[in-house]
PDB file of N, CA and C in Angstrom:
ATOM      1  N   MET A   1       0.874  -6.222   9.527  1.00  0.00           N
ATOM      2  CA  MET A   1       0.433  -4.917   9.092  1.00  0.00           C
ATOM      3  C   MET A   1      -0.025  -5.055   7.648  1.00  0.00           C
ATOM      4  N   SER A   2      -1.152  -4.481   7.339  1.00  0.00           N
ATOM      5  CA  SER A   2      -1.681  -4.531   5.985  1.00  0.00           C
ATOM      6  C   SER A   2      -1.820  -3.126   5.443  1.00  0.00           C
ATOM      7  N   ASP A   3      -1.862  -3.053   4.157  1.00  0.00           N
ATOM      8  CA  ASP A   3      -1.970  -1.775   3.489  1.00  0.00           C
ATOM      9  C   ASP A   3      -2.674  -2.022   2.175  1.00  0.00           C
ATOM     10  N   ALA A   4      -3.599  -1.178   1.801  1.00  0.00           N
ATOM     11  CA  ALA A   4      -4.251  -1.263   0.503  1.00  0.00           C
ATOM     12  C   ALA A   4      -3.895  -0.004  -0.266  1.00  0.00           C
ATOM     13  N   LEU A   5      -3.616  -0.182  -1.539  1.00  0.00           N
ATOM     14  CA  LEU A   5      -3.274   0.951  -2.378  1.00  0.00           C
ATOM     15  C   LEU A   5      -4.276   1.017  -3.512  1.00  0.00           C
ATOM     16  N   ALA A   6      -4.682   2.211  -3.872  1.00  0.00           N
ATOM     17  CA  ALA A   6      -5.696   2.369  -4.907  1.00  0.00           C
ATOM     18  C   ALA A   6      -5.304   3.466  -5.879  1.00  0.00           C
ATOM     19  N   SER A   7      -5.813   3.369  -7.090  1.00  0.00           N
ATOM     20  CA  SER A   7      -5.636   4.434  -8.070  1.00  0.00           C
ATOM     21  C   SER A   7      -6.965   4.656  -8.778  1.00  0.00           C
ATOM     22  N   GLN A   8      -7.142   5.859  -9.297  1.00  0.00           N
ATOM     23  CA  GLN A   8      -8.393   6.213  -9.963  1.00  0.00           C
ATOM     24  C   GLN A   8      -8.316   5.827 -11.440  1.00  0.00           C
ATOM     25  N   LYS A   9      -9.089   6.478 -12.301  1.00  0.00           N
ATOM     26  CA  LYS A   9      -9.297   6.180 -13.712  1.00  0.00           C
ATOM     27  C   LYS A   9     -10.064   4.883 -13.748  1.00  0.00           C
ATOM     28  N   GLN A  10      -9.537   3.789 -14.374  1.00  0.00           N
ATOM     29  CA  GLN A  10     -10.200   2.517 -14.140  1.00  0.00           C
ATOM     30  C   GLN A  10      -9.620   2.073 -12.817  1.00  0.00           C
ATOM     31  N   GLN A  11     -10.473   2.019 -11.837  1.00  0.00           N
ATOM     32  CA  GLN A  11     -10.003   1.783 -10.475  1.00  0.00           C
ATOM     33  C   GLN A  11      -9.256   0.456 -10.370  1.00  0.00           C
ATOM     34  N   SER A  12      -8.091   0.518  -9.774  1.00  0.00           N
ATOM     35  CA  SER A  12      -7.283  -0.655  -9.475  1.00  0.00           C
ATOM     36  C   SER A  12      -6.925  -0.595  -8.008  1.00  0.00           C
ATOM     37  N   ALA A  13      -6.748  -1.749  -7.417  1.00  0.00           N
ATOM     38  CA  ALA A  13      -6.353  -1.791  -6.009  1.00  0.00           C
ATOM     39  C   ALA A  13      -5.460  -2.993  -5.767  1.00  0.00           C
ATOM     40  N   VAL A  14      -4.529  -2.809  -4.855  1.00  0.00           N
ATOM     41  CA  VAL A  14      -3.614  -3.868  -4.443  1.00  0.00           C
ATOM     42  C   VAL A  14      -3.540  -3.838  -2.927  1.00  0.00           C
ATOM     43  N   ALA A  15      -3.635  -5.008  -2.319  1.00  0.00           N
ATOM     44  CA  ALA A  15      -3.492  -5.105  -0.866  1.00  0.00           C
ATOM     45  C   ALA A  15      -2.177  -5.800  -0.562  1.00  0.00           C
ATOM     46  N   LEU A  16      -1.439  -5.228   0.368  1.00  0.00           N
ATOM     47  CA  LEU A  16      -0.164  -5.790   0.800  1.00  0.00           C
ATOM     48  C   LEU A  16      -0.277  -6.237   2.245  1.00  0.00           C
ATOM     49  N   ALA A  17       0.500  -7.244   2.591  1.00  0.00           N
ATOM     50  CA  ALA A  17       0.589  -7.670   3.988  1.00  0.00           C
ATOM     51  C   ALA A  17       2.055  -7.922   4.299  1.00  0.00           C
ATOM     52  N   TYR A  18       2.438  -7.563   5.506  1.00  0.00           N
ATOM     53  CA  TYR A  18       3.811  -7.792   5.955  1.00  0.00           C
ATOM     54  C   TYR A  18       3.767  -8.418   7.336  1.00  0.00           C
ATOM     55  N   GLN A  19       4.373  -9.565   7.460  1.00  0.00           N
ATOM     56  CA  GLN A  19       4.475 -10.258   8.737  1.00  0.00           C
ATOM     57  C   GLN A  19       5.925 -10.191   9.189  1.00  0.00           C
ATOM     58  N   GLY A  20       6.127  -9.991  10.467  1.00  0.00           N
ATOM     59  CA  GLY A  20       7.489 -10.007  10.993  1.00  0.00           C
ATOM     60  C   GLY A  20       8.164 -11.312  10.600  1.00  0.00           C
ATOM     61  N   GLY A  21       9.367 -11.225  10.156  1.00  0.00           N
ATOM     62  CA  GLY A  21      10.087 -12.410   9.715  1.00  0.00           C
ATOM     63  C   GLY A  21      10.082 -12.578   8.205  1.00  0.00           C
ATOM     64  N   ASP A  22       9.109 -11.956   7.519  1.00  0.00           N
ATOM     65  CA  ASP A  22       9.108 -11.995   6.057  1.00  0.00           C
ATOM     66  C   ASP A  22      10.224 -11.090   5.549  1.00  0.00           C
ATOM     67  N   ALA A  23      10.791 -11.448   4.416  1.00  0.00           N
ATOM     68  CA  ALA A  23      11.835 -10.614   3.825  1.00  0.00           C
ATOM     69  C   ALA A  23      11.257  -9.306   3.281  1.00  0.00           C
ATOM     70  N   ALA A  24      10.010  -9.355   2.817  1.00  0.00           N
ATOM     71  CA  ALA A  24       9.375  -8.169   2.229  1.00  0.00           C
ATOM     72  C   ALA A  24       7.862  -8.351   2.265  1.00  0.00           C
ATOM     73  N   PRO A  25       7.110  -7.256   2.131  1.00  0.00           N
ATOM     74  CA  PRO A  25       5.648  -7.379   2.056  1.00  0.00           C
ATOM     75  C   PRO A  25       5.233  -8.207   0.843  1.00  0.00           C
ATOM     76  N   LYS A  26       4.058  -8.838   0.953  1.00  0.00           N
ATOM     77  CA  LYS A  26       3.515  -9.653  -0.134  1.00  0.00           C
ATOM     78  C   LYS A  26       2.236  -9.027  -0.666  1.00  0.00           C
ATOM     79  N   VAL A  27       1.970  -9.279  -1.943  1.00  0.00           N
ATOM     80  CA  VAL A  27       0.701  -8.900  -2.552  1.00  0.00           C
ATOM     81  C   VAL A  27      -0.307  -9.976  -2.164  1.00  0.00           C
ATOM     82  N   VAL A  28      -1.338  -9.587  -1.411  1.00  0.00           N
ATOM     83  CA  VAL A  28      -2.321 -10.570  -0.939  1.00  0.00           C
ATOM     84  C   VAL A  28      -3.668 -10.443  -1.645  1.00  0.00           C
ATOM     85  N   ALA A  29      -3.895  -9.353  -2.356  1.00  0.00           N
ATOM     86  CA  ALA A  29      -5.106  -9.184  -3.162  1.00  0.00           C
ATOM     87  C   ALA A  29      -4.837  -8.092  -4.182  1.00  0.00           C
ATOM     88  N   LYS A  30      -5.454  -8.231  -5.349  1.00  0.00           N
ATOM     89  CA  LYS A  30      -5.338  -7.185  -6.360  1.00  0.00           C
ATOM     90  C   LYS A  30      -6.483  -7.338  -7.343  1.00  0.00           C
ATOM     91  N   GLY A  31      -6.863  -6.238  -7.965  1.00  0.00           N
ATOM     92  CA  GLY A  31      -7.931  -6.311  -8.947  1.00  0.00           C
ATOM     93  C   GLY A  31      -8.258  -4.958  -9.531  1.00  0.00           C
ATOM     94  N   LYS A  32      -9.132  -4.994 -10.539  1.00  0.00           N
ATOM     95  CA  LYS A  32      -9.596  -3.783 -11.217  1.00  0.00           C
ATOM     96  C   LYS A  32     -11.116  -3.752 -11.172  1.00  0.00           C
ATOM     97  N   GLY A  33     -11.671  -2.570 -11.360  1.00  0.00           N
ATOM     98  CA  GLY A  33     -13.117  -2.424 -11.442  1.00  0.00           C
ATOM     99  C   GLY A  33     -13.825  -2.827 -10.162  1.00  0.00           C
ATOM    100  N   LEU A  34     -14.809  -3.724 -10.281  1.00  0.00           N
ATOM    101  CA  LEU A  34     -15.598  -4.147  -9.122  1.00  0.00           C
ATOM    102  C   LEU A  34     -14.744  -4.835  -8.065  1.00  0.00           C
ATOM    103  N   LEU A  35     -13.772  -5.626  -8.501  1.00  0.00           N
ATOM    104  CA  LEU A  35     -12.894  -6.295  -7.536  1.00  0.00           C
ATOM    105  C   LEU A  35     -12.072  -5.264  -6.763  1.00  0.00           C
ATOM    106  N   ALA A  36     -11.602  -4.237  -7.447  1.00  0.00           N
ATOM    107  CA  ALA A  36     -10.860  -3.167  -6.766  1.00  0.00           C
ATOM    108  C   ALA A  36     -11.749  -2.467  -5.746  1.00  0.00           C
ATOM    109  N   SER A  37     -12.983  -2.191  -6.139  1.00  0.00           N
ATOM    110  CA  SER A  37     -13.921  -1.551  -5.208  1.00  0.00           C
ATOM    111  C   SER A  37     -14.141  -2.408  -3.970  1.00  0.00           C
ATOM    112  N   GLU A  38     -14.238  -3.714  -4.166  1.00  0.00           N
ATOM    113  CA  GLU A  38     -14.441  -4.629  -3.036  1.00  0.00           C
ATOM    114  C   GLU A  38     -13.213  -4.666  -2.126  1.00  0.00           C
ATOM    115  N   ILE A  39     -12.025  -4.657  -2.705  1.00  0.00           N
ATOM    116  CA  ILE A  39     -10.792  -4.636  -1.905  1.00  0.00           C
ATOM    117  C   ILE A  39     -10.757  -3.368  -1.047  1.00  0.00           C
ATOM    118  N   ILE A  40     -11.071  -2.234  -1.658  1.00  0.00           N
ATOM    119  CA  ILE A  40     -11.055  -0.960  -0.936  1.00  0.00           C
ATOM    120  C   ILE A  40     -12.134  -0.941   0.144  1.00  0.00           C
ATOM    121  N   LYS A  41     -13.319  -1.447  -0.190  1.00  0.00           N
ATOM    122  CA  LYS A  41     -14.419  -1.500   0.780  1.00  0.00           C
ATOM    123  C   LYS A  41     -14.034  -2.349   1.989  1.00  0.00           C
ATOM    124  N   ARG A  42     -13.499  -3.534   1.725  1.00  0.00           N
ATOM    125  CA  ARG A  42     -13.114  -4.422   2.829  1.00  0.00           C
ATOM    126  C   ARG A  42     -11.973  -3.845   3.653  1.00  0.00           C
ATOM    127  N   ALA A  43     -11.067  -3.154   3.001  1.00  0.00           N
ATOM    128  CA  ALA A  43      -9.986  -2.498   3.747  1.00  0.00           C
ATOM    129  C   ALA A  43     -10.572  -1.476   4.710  1.00  0.00           C
ATOM    130  N   GLY A  44     -11.503  -0.677   4.209  1.00  0.00           N
ATOM    131  CA  GLY A  44     -12.148   0.323   5.059  1.00  0.00           C
ATOM    132  C   GLY A  44     -12.888  -0.305   6.223  1.00  0.00           C
ATOM    133  N   GLU A  45     -13.617  -1.395   5.951  1.00  0.00           N
ATOM    134  CA  GLU A  45     -14.364  -2.086   7.006  1.00  0.00           C
ATOM    135  C   GLU A  45     -13.434  -2.658   8.070  1.00  0.00           C
ATOM    136  N   ALA A  46     -12.249  -3.065   7.647  1.00  0.00           N
ATOM    137  CA  ALA A  46     -11.281  -3.655   8.577  1.00  0.00           C
ATOM    138  C   ALA A  46     -10.398  -2.600   9.239  1.00  0.00           C
ATOM    139  N   GLY A  47     -10.598  -1.336   8.880  1.00  0.00           N
ATOM    140  CA  GLY A  47      -9.780  -0.273   9.453  1.00  0.00           C
ATOM    141  C   GLY A  47      -8.381  -0.217   8.875  1.00  0.00           C
ATOM    142  N   VAL A  48      -8.213  -0.769   7.672  1.00  0.00           N
ATOM    143  CA  VAL A  48      -6.912  -0.773   7.000  1.00  0.00           C
ATOM    144  C   VAL A  48      -6.777   0.512   6.191  1.00  0.00           C
ATOM    145  N   PHE A  49      -5.638   1.154   6.314  1.00  0.00           N
ATOM    146  CA  PHE A  49      -5.363   2.393   5.596  1.00  0.00           C
ATOM    147  C   PHE A  49      -5.328   2.142   4.090  1.00  0.00           C
ATOM    148  N   VAL A  50      -5.927   3.041   3.308  1.00  0.00           N
ATOM    149  CA  VAL A  50      -5.893   2.975   1.846  1.00  0.00           C
ATOM    150  C   VAL A  50      -5.108   4.181   1.345  1.00  0.00           C
ATOM    151  N   HIS A  51      -4.014   3.913   0.657  1.00  0.00           N
ATOM    152  CA  HIS A  51      -3.153   4.961   0.100  1.00  0.00           C
ATOM    153  C   HIS A  51      -3.363   4.994  -1.407  1.00  0.00           C
ATOM    154  N   GLU A  52      -3.525   6.175  -1.982  1.00  0.00           N
ATOM    155  CA  GLU A  52      -3.727   6.303  -3.423  1.00  0.00           C
ATOM    156  C   GLU A  52      -2.431   6.711  -4.110  1.00  0.00           C
ATOM    157  N   SER A  53      -1.993   5.864  -5.040  1.00  0.00           N
ATOM    158  CA  SER A  53      -0.791   6.147  -5.823  1.00  0.00           C
ATOM    159  C   SER A  53      -0.867   5.351  -7.117  1.00  0.00           C
ATOM    160  N   LYS A  54      -1.257   6.022  -8.208  1.00  0.00           N
ATOM    161  CA  LYS A  54      -1.430   5.302  -9.474  1.00  0.00           C
ATOM    162  C   LYS A  54      -0.129   4.664  -9.949  1.00  0.00           C
ATOM    163  N   GLU A  55       0.998   5.333  -9.720  1.00  0.00           N
ATOM    164  CA  GLU A  55       2.282   4.781 -10.163  1.00  0.00           C
ATOM    165  C   GLU A  55       2.624   3.501  -9.402  1.00  0.00           C
ATOM    166  N   LEU A  56       2.455   3.545  -8.106  1.00  0.00           N
ATOM    167  CA  LEU A  56       2.779   2.389  -7.279  1.00  0.00           C
ATOM    168  C   LEU A  56       1.824   1.232  -7.551  1.00  0.00           C
ATOM    169  N   VAL A  57       0.540   1.534  -7.688  1.00  0.00           N
ATOM    170  CA  VAL A  57      -0.443   0.484  -7.979  1.00  0.00           C
ATOM    171  C   VAL A  57      -0.140  -0.170  -9.324  1.00  0.00           C
ATOM    172  N   ALA A  58       0.203   0.623 -10.331  1.00  0.00           N
ATOM    173  CA  ALA A  58       0.514   0.065 -11.652  1.00  0.00           C
ATOM    174  C   ALA A  58       1.658  -0.942 -11.564  1.00  0.00           C
ATOM    175  N   LEU A  59       2.663  -0.643 -10.769  1.00  0.00           N
ATOM    176  CA  LEU A  59       3.784  -1.572 -10.610  1.00  0.00           C
ATOM    177  C   LEU A  59       3.386  -2.799  -9.795  1.00  0.00           C
ATOM    178  N   LEU A  60       2.628  -2.585  -8.730  1.00  0.00           N
ATOM    179  CA  LEU A  60       2.223  -3.704  -7.877  1.00  0.00           C
ATOM    180  C   LEU A  60       1.245  -4.641  -8.580  1.00  0.00           C
ATOM    181  N   MET A  61       0.468  -4.135  -9.521  1.00  0.00           N
ATOM    182  CA  MET A  61      -0.467  -4.984 -10.269  1.00  0.00           C
ATOM    183  C   MET A  61       0.277  -6.029 -11.104  1.00  0.00           C
ATOM    184  N   GLN A  62       1.541  -5.799 -11.390  1.00  0.00           N
ATOM    185  CA  GLN A  62       2.331  -6.737 -12.187  1.00  0.00           C
ATOM    186  C   GLN A  62       2.861  -7.914 -11.367  1.00  0.00           C
ATOM    187  N   ILE A  63       2.727  -7.835 -10.055  1.00  0.00           N
ATOM    188  CA  ILE A  63       3.260  -8.874  -9.172  1.00  0.00           C
ATOM    189  C   ILE A  63       2.185  -9.929  -8.937  1.00  0.00           C
ATOM    190  N   ASP A  64       2.566 -11.194  -9.026  1.00  0.00           N
ATOM    191  CA  ASP A  64       1.632 -12.291  -8.781  1.00  0.00           C
ATOM    192  C   ASP A  64       1.184 -12.301  -7.327  1.00  0.00           C
ATOM    193  N   LEU A  65      -0.024 -12.821  -7.092  1.00  0.00           N
ATOM    194  CA  LEU A  65      -0.532 -12.961  -5.730  1.00  0.00           C
ATOM    195  C   LEU A  65       0.398 -13.827  -4.891  1.00  0.00           C
ATOM    196  N   ASP A  66       0.482 -13.506  -3.633  1.00  0.00           N
ATOM    197  CA  ASP A  66       1.314 -14.210  -2.652  1.00  0.00           C
ATOM    198  C   ASP A  66       2.809 -14.125  -2.951  1.00  0.00           C
ATOM    199  N   ARG A  67       3.197 -13.175  -3.780  1.00  0.00           N
ATOM    200  CA  ARG A  67       4.617 -12.951  -4.073  1.00  0.00           C
ATOM    201  C   ARG A  67       5.070 -11.688  -3.361  1.00  0.00           C
ATOM    202  N   GLN A  68       6.331 -11.678  -2.971  1.00  0.00           N
ATOM    203  CA  GLN A  68       6.894 -10.501  -2.309  1.00  0.00           C
ATOM    204  C   GLN A  68       7.140  -9.388  -3.324  1.00  0.00           C
ATOM    205  N   ILE A  69       7.103  -8.159  -2.813  1.00  0.00           N
ATOM    206  CA  ILE A  69       7.394  -7.027  -3.689  1.00  0.00           C
ATOM    207  C   ILE A  69       8.864  -7.101  -4.108  1.00  0.00           C
ATOM    208  N   PRO A  70       9.203  -6.578  -5.291  1.00  0.00           N
ATOM    209  CA  PRO A  70      10.597  -6.616  -5.736  1.00  0.00           C
ATOM    210  C   PRO A  70      11.442  -5.575  -5.001  1.00  0.00           C
ATOM    211  N   PRO A  71      12.751  -5.793  -4.961  1.00  0.00           N
ATOM    212  CA  PRO A  71      13.649  -4.860  -4.268  1.00  0.00           C
ATOM    213  C   PRO A  71      13.526  -3.413  -4.741  1.00  0.00           C
ATOM    214  N   GLN A  72      13.162  -3.191  -6.000  1.00  0.00           N
ATOM    215  CA  GLN A  72      13.039  -1.831  -6.518  1.00  0.00           C
ATOM    216  C   GLN A  72      11.940  -1.038  -5.806  1.00  0.00           C
ATOM    217  N   LEU A  73      10.994  -1.731  -5.174  1.00  0.00           N
ATOM    218  CA  LEU A  73       9.896  -1.050  -4.482  1.00  0.00           C
ATOM    219  C   LEU A  73      10.098  -0.990  -2.976  1.00  0.00           C
ATOM    220  N   TYR A  74      11.180  -1.574  -2.471  1.00  0.00           N
ATOM    221  CA  TYR A  74      11.404  -1.612  -1.021  1.00  0.00           C
ATOM    222  C   TYR A  74      11.342  -0.225  -0.388  1.00  0.00           C
ATOM    223  N   ARG A  75      12.044   0.726  -0.975  1.00  0.00           N
ATOM    224  CA  ARG A  75      12.131   2.049  -0.345  1.00  0.00           C
ATOM    225  C   ARG A  75      10.761   2.724  -0.274  1.00  0.00           C
ATOM    226  N   ALA A  76      10.016   2.697  -1.381  1.00  0.00           N
ATOM    227  CA  ALA A  76       8.699   3.341  -1.401  1.00  0.00           C
ATOM    228  C   ALA A  76       7.762   2.688  -0.392  1.00  0.00           C
ATOM    229  N   ILE A  77       7.737   1.370  -0.366  1.00  0.00           N
ATOM    230  CA  ILE A  77       6.844   0.658   0.556  1.00  0.00           C
ATOM    231  C   ILE A  77       7.326   0.824   1.994  1.00  0.00           C
ATOM    232  N   ALA A  78       8.632   0.781   2.211  1.00  0.00           N
ATOM    233  CA  ALA A  78       9.164   0.940   3.573  1.00  0.00           C
ATOM    234  C   ALA A  78       8.800   2.308   4.147  1.00  0.00           C
ATOM    235  N   GLU A  79       8.930   3.360   3.350  1.00  0.00           N
ATOM    236  CA  GLU A  79       8.577   4.695   3.849  1.00  0.00           C
ATOM    237  C   GLU A  79       7.082   4.815   4.106  1.00  0.00           C
ATOM    238  N   LEU A  80       6.278   4.194   3.251  1.00  0.00           N
ATOM    239  CA  LEU A  80       4.832   4.213   3.458  1.00  0.00           C
ATOM    240  C   LEU A  80       4.460   3.446   4.726  1.00  0.00           C
ATOM    241  N   LEU A  81       5.051   2.270   4.931  1.00  0.00           N
ATOM    242  CA  LEU A  81       4.762   1.486   6.134  1.00  0.00           C
ATOM    243  C   LEU A  81       5.276   2.179   7.396  1.00  0.00           C
ATOM    244  N   ALA A  82       6.428   2.840   7.304  1.00  0.00           N
ATOM    245  CA  ALA A  82       6.953   3.579   8.461  1.00  0.00           C
ATOM    246  C   ALA A  82       6.020   4.729   8.819  1.00  0.00           C
ATOM    247  N   TRP A  83       5.513   5.432   7.803  1.00  0.00           N
ATOM    248  CA  TRP A  83       4.559   6.516   8.044  1.00  0.00           C
ATOM    249  C   TRP A  83       3.288   5.964   8.691  1.00  0.00           C
ATOM    250  N   LEU A  84       2.799   4.843   8.152  1.00  0.00           N
ATOM    251  CA  LEU A  84       1.584   4.233   8.681  1.00  0.00           C
ATOM    252  C   LEU A  84       1.778   3.785  10.127  1.00  0.00           C
ATOM    253  N   TYR A  85       2.922   3.183  10.429  1.00  0.00           N
ATOM    254  CA  TYR A  85       3.220   2.765  11.800  1.00  0.00           C
ATOM    255  C   TYR A  85       3.223   3.979  12.732  1.00  0.00           C
ATOM    256  N   HIS A  86       3.814   5.064  12.266  1.00  0.00           N
ATOM    257  CA  HIS A  86       3.867   6.304  13.051  1.00  0.00           C
ATOM    258  C   HIS A  86       2.452   6.802  13.358  1.00  0.00           C
ATOM    259  N   ILE A  87       1.582   6.771  12.359  1.00  0.00           N
ATOM    260  CA  ILE A  87       0.192   7.210  12.532  1.00  0.00           C
ATOM    261  C   ILE A  87      -0.540   6.279  13.496  1.00  0.00           C
ATOM    262  N   GLU A  88      -0.417   4.962  13.273  1.00  0.00           N
ATOM    263  CA  GLU A  88      -1.143   3.985  14.088  1.00  0.00           C
ATOM    264  C   GLU A  88      -0.655   3.936  15.528  1.00  0.00           C
ATOM    265  N   SER A  89       0.600   4.277  15.757  1.00  0.00           N
ATOM    266  CA  SER A  89       1.139   4.207  17.114  1.00  0.00           C
ATOM    267  C   SER A  89       0.758   5.429  17.943  1.00  0.00           C
ATOM    268  N   GLY A  90       0.089   6.388  17.318  1.00  0.00           N
ATOM    269  CA  GLY A  90      -0.361   7.573  18.042  1.00  0.00           C
ATOM    270  C   GLY A  90       0.737   8.561  18.351  1.00  0.00           C
ATOM    271  N   LYS A  91       1.819   8.534  17.591  1.00  0.00           N
ATOM    272  CA  LYS A  91       2.949   9.422  17.850  1.00  0.00           C
ATOM    273  C   LYS A  91       2.793  10.790  17.196  1.00  0.00           C
ATOM    274  N   THR A  92       1.599  11.069  16.668  1.00  0.00           N
ATOM    275  CA  THR A  92       1.378  12.390  16.082  1.00  0.00           C
ATOM    276  C   THR A  92       0.852  13.313  17.161  1.00  0.00           C
ATOM    277  N   SER A  93       1.214  14.567  17.088  1.00  0.00           N
ATOM    278  CA  SER A  93       0.783  15.521  18.110  1.00  0.00           C
ATOM    279  C   SER A  93      -0.508  16.201  17.674  1.00  0.00           C
ATOM    280  N   GLY A  94      -1.457  16.264  18.593  1.00  0.00           N
ATOM    281  CA  GLY A  94      -2.723  16.927  18.305  1.00  0.00           C
ATOM    282  C   GLY A  94      -3.509  16.209  17.228  1.00  0.00           C
ATOM    283  N   ASP A  95      -4.272  16.993  16.467  1.00  0.00           N
ATOM    284  CA  ASP A  95      -5.099  16.431  15.405  1.00  0.00           C
ATOM    285  C   ASP A  95      -4.384  16.415  14.061  1.00  0.00           C
ATOM    286  N   ALA A  96      -3.200  16.997  14.002  1.00  0.00           N
ATOM    287  CA  ALA A  96      -2.488  17.099  12.730  1.00  0.00           C
ATOM    288  C   ALA A  96      -1.880  15.757  12.354  1.00  0.00           C
ATOM    289  N   ARG A  97      -2.279  15.249  11.203  1.00  0.00           N
ATOM    290  CA  ARG A  97      -1.707  14.012  10.679  1.00  0.00           C
ATOM    291  C   ARG A  97      -0.693  14.399   9.618  1.00  0.00           C
ATOM    292  N   PRO A  98       0.536  13.934   9.744  1.00  0.00           N
ATOM    293  CA  PRO A  98       1.523  14.276   8.717  1.00  0.00           C
ATOM    294  C   PRO A  98       1.126  13.685   7.365  1.00  0.00           C
ATOM    295  N   ALA A  99       1.496  14.367   6.309  1.00  0.00           N
ATOM    296  CA  ALA A  99       1.183  13.886   4.964  1.00  0.00           C
ATOM    297  C   ALA A  99       1.936  12.588   4.693  1.00  0.00           C
ATOM    298  N   PRO A 100       1.315  11.671   3.940  1.00  0.00           N
ATOM    299  CA  PRO A 100       2.018  10.436   3.601  1.00  0.00           C
ATOM    300  C   PRO A 100       3.191  10.733   2.672  1.00  0.00           C
ATOM    301  N   PRO A 101       4.147   9.825   2.600  1.00  0.00           N
ATOM    302  CA  PRO A 101       5.290  10.056   1.716  1.00  0.00           C
ATOM    303  C   PRO A 101       4.855  10.071   0.253  1.00  0.00           C
ATOM    304  N   ASP A 102       5.597  10.775  -0.560  1.00  0.00           N
ATOM    305  CA  ASP A 102       5.339  10.824  -1.998  1.00  0.00           C
ATOM    306  C   ASP A 102       5.950   9.575  -2.619  1.00  0.00           C
ATOM    307  N   THR A 103       5.164   8.498  -2.667  1.00  0.00           N
ATOM    308  CA  THR A 103       5.691   7.213  -3.128  1.00  0.00           C
ATOM    309  C   THR A 103       6.116   7.254  -4.589  1.00  0.00           C
ATOM    310  N   ALA A 104       5.495   8.108  -5.394  1.00  0.00           N
ATOM    311  CA  ALA A 104       5.856   8.176  -6.812  1.00  0.00           C
ATOM    312  C   ALA A 104       7.320   8.566  -6.986  1.00  0.00           C
ATOM    313  N   ARG A 105       7.823   9.475  -6.152  1.00  0.00           N
ATOM    314  CA  ARG A 105       9.221   9.902  -6.303  1.00  0.00           C
ATOM    315  C   ARG A 105      10.192   8.891  -5.704  1.00  0.00           C
ATOM    316  N   LEU A 106       9.683   7.969  -4.896  1.00  0.00           N
ATOM    317  CA  LEU A 106      10.546   6.994  -4.234  1.00  0.00           C
ATOM    318  C   LEU A 106      10.725   5.704  -5.026  1.00  0.00           C
ATOM    319  N   ILE A 107       9.941   5.535  -6.072  1.00  0.00           N
ATOM    320  CA  ILE A 107       9.984   4.284  -6.833  1.00  0.00           C
ATOM    321  C   ILE A 107      11.251   4.238  -7.671  1.00  0.00           C
ATOM    322  N   ASP A 108      12.045   3.213  -7.441  1.00  0.00           N
ATOM    323  CA  ASP A 108      13.231   2.996  -8.261  1.00  0.00           C
ATOM    324  C   ASP A 108      12.785   2.480  -9.622  1.00  0.00           C
ATOM    325  N   THR A 109      13.467   2.849 -10.654  1.00  0.00           N
ATOM    326  CA  THR A 109      13.125   2.405 -11.995  1.00  0.00           C
ATOM    327  C   THR A 109      13.280   0.898 -12.102  1.00  0.00           C
ATOM    328  N   LEU A 110      12.235   0.259 -12.602  1.00  0.00           N
ATOM    329  CA  LEU A 110      12.282  -1.205 -12.782  1.00  0.00           C
ATOM    330  C   LEU A 110      12.979  -1.566 -14.058  1.00  0.00           C
TER     331      LEU A 110
END
């Protein structure tokens, strides 16, 4: 399962990937400006969900590529991935898509 996160202002983007058996999701791409735009574009082309959260992106930008997210972000990312799984599995009724979790309030202080 992959997830791309984006924030506005000077656009930044981080792509996460989680494989079964991994202890935690990994940062697989990140960048600012044109690179961020390309990450978001490719996510869209691949049908990967893009979640906007400036607070979460700011923290994820500090993580090296191919490194797992730190334990302080587990809860925020877990709730986001659980929401995404719920959406992708078609468990929503009708056309109403539930709002994504408020990841900013879920971030544990680093």
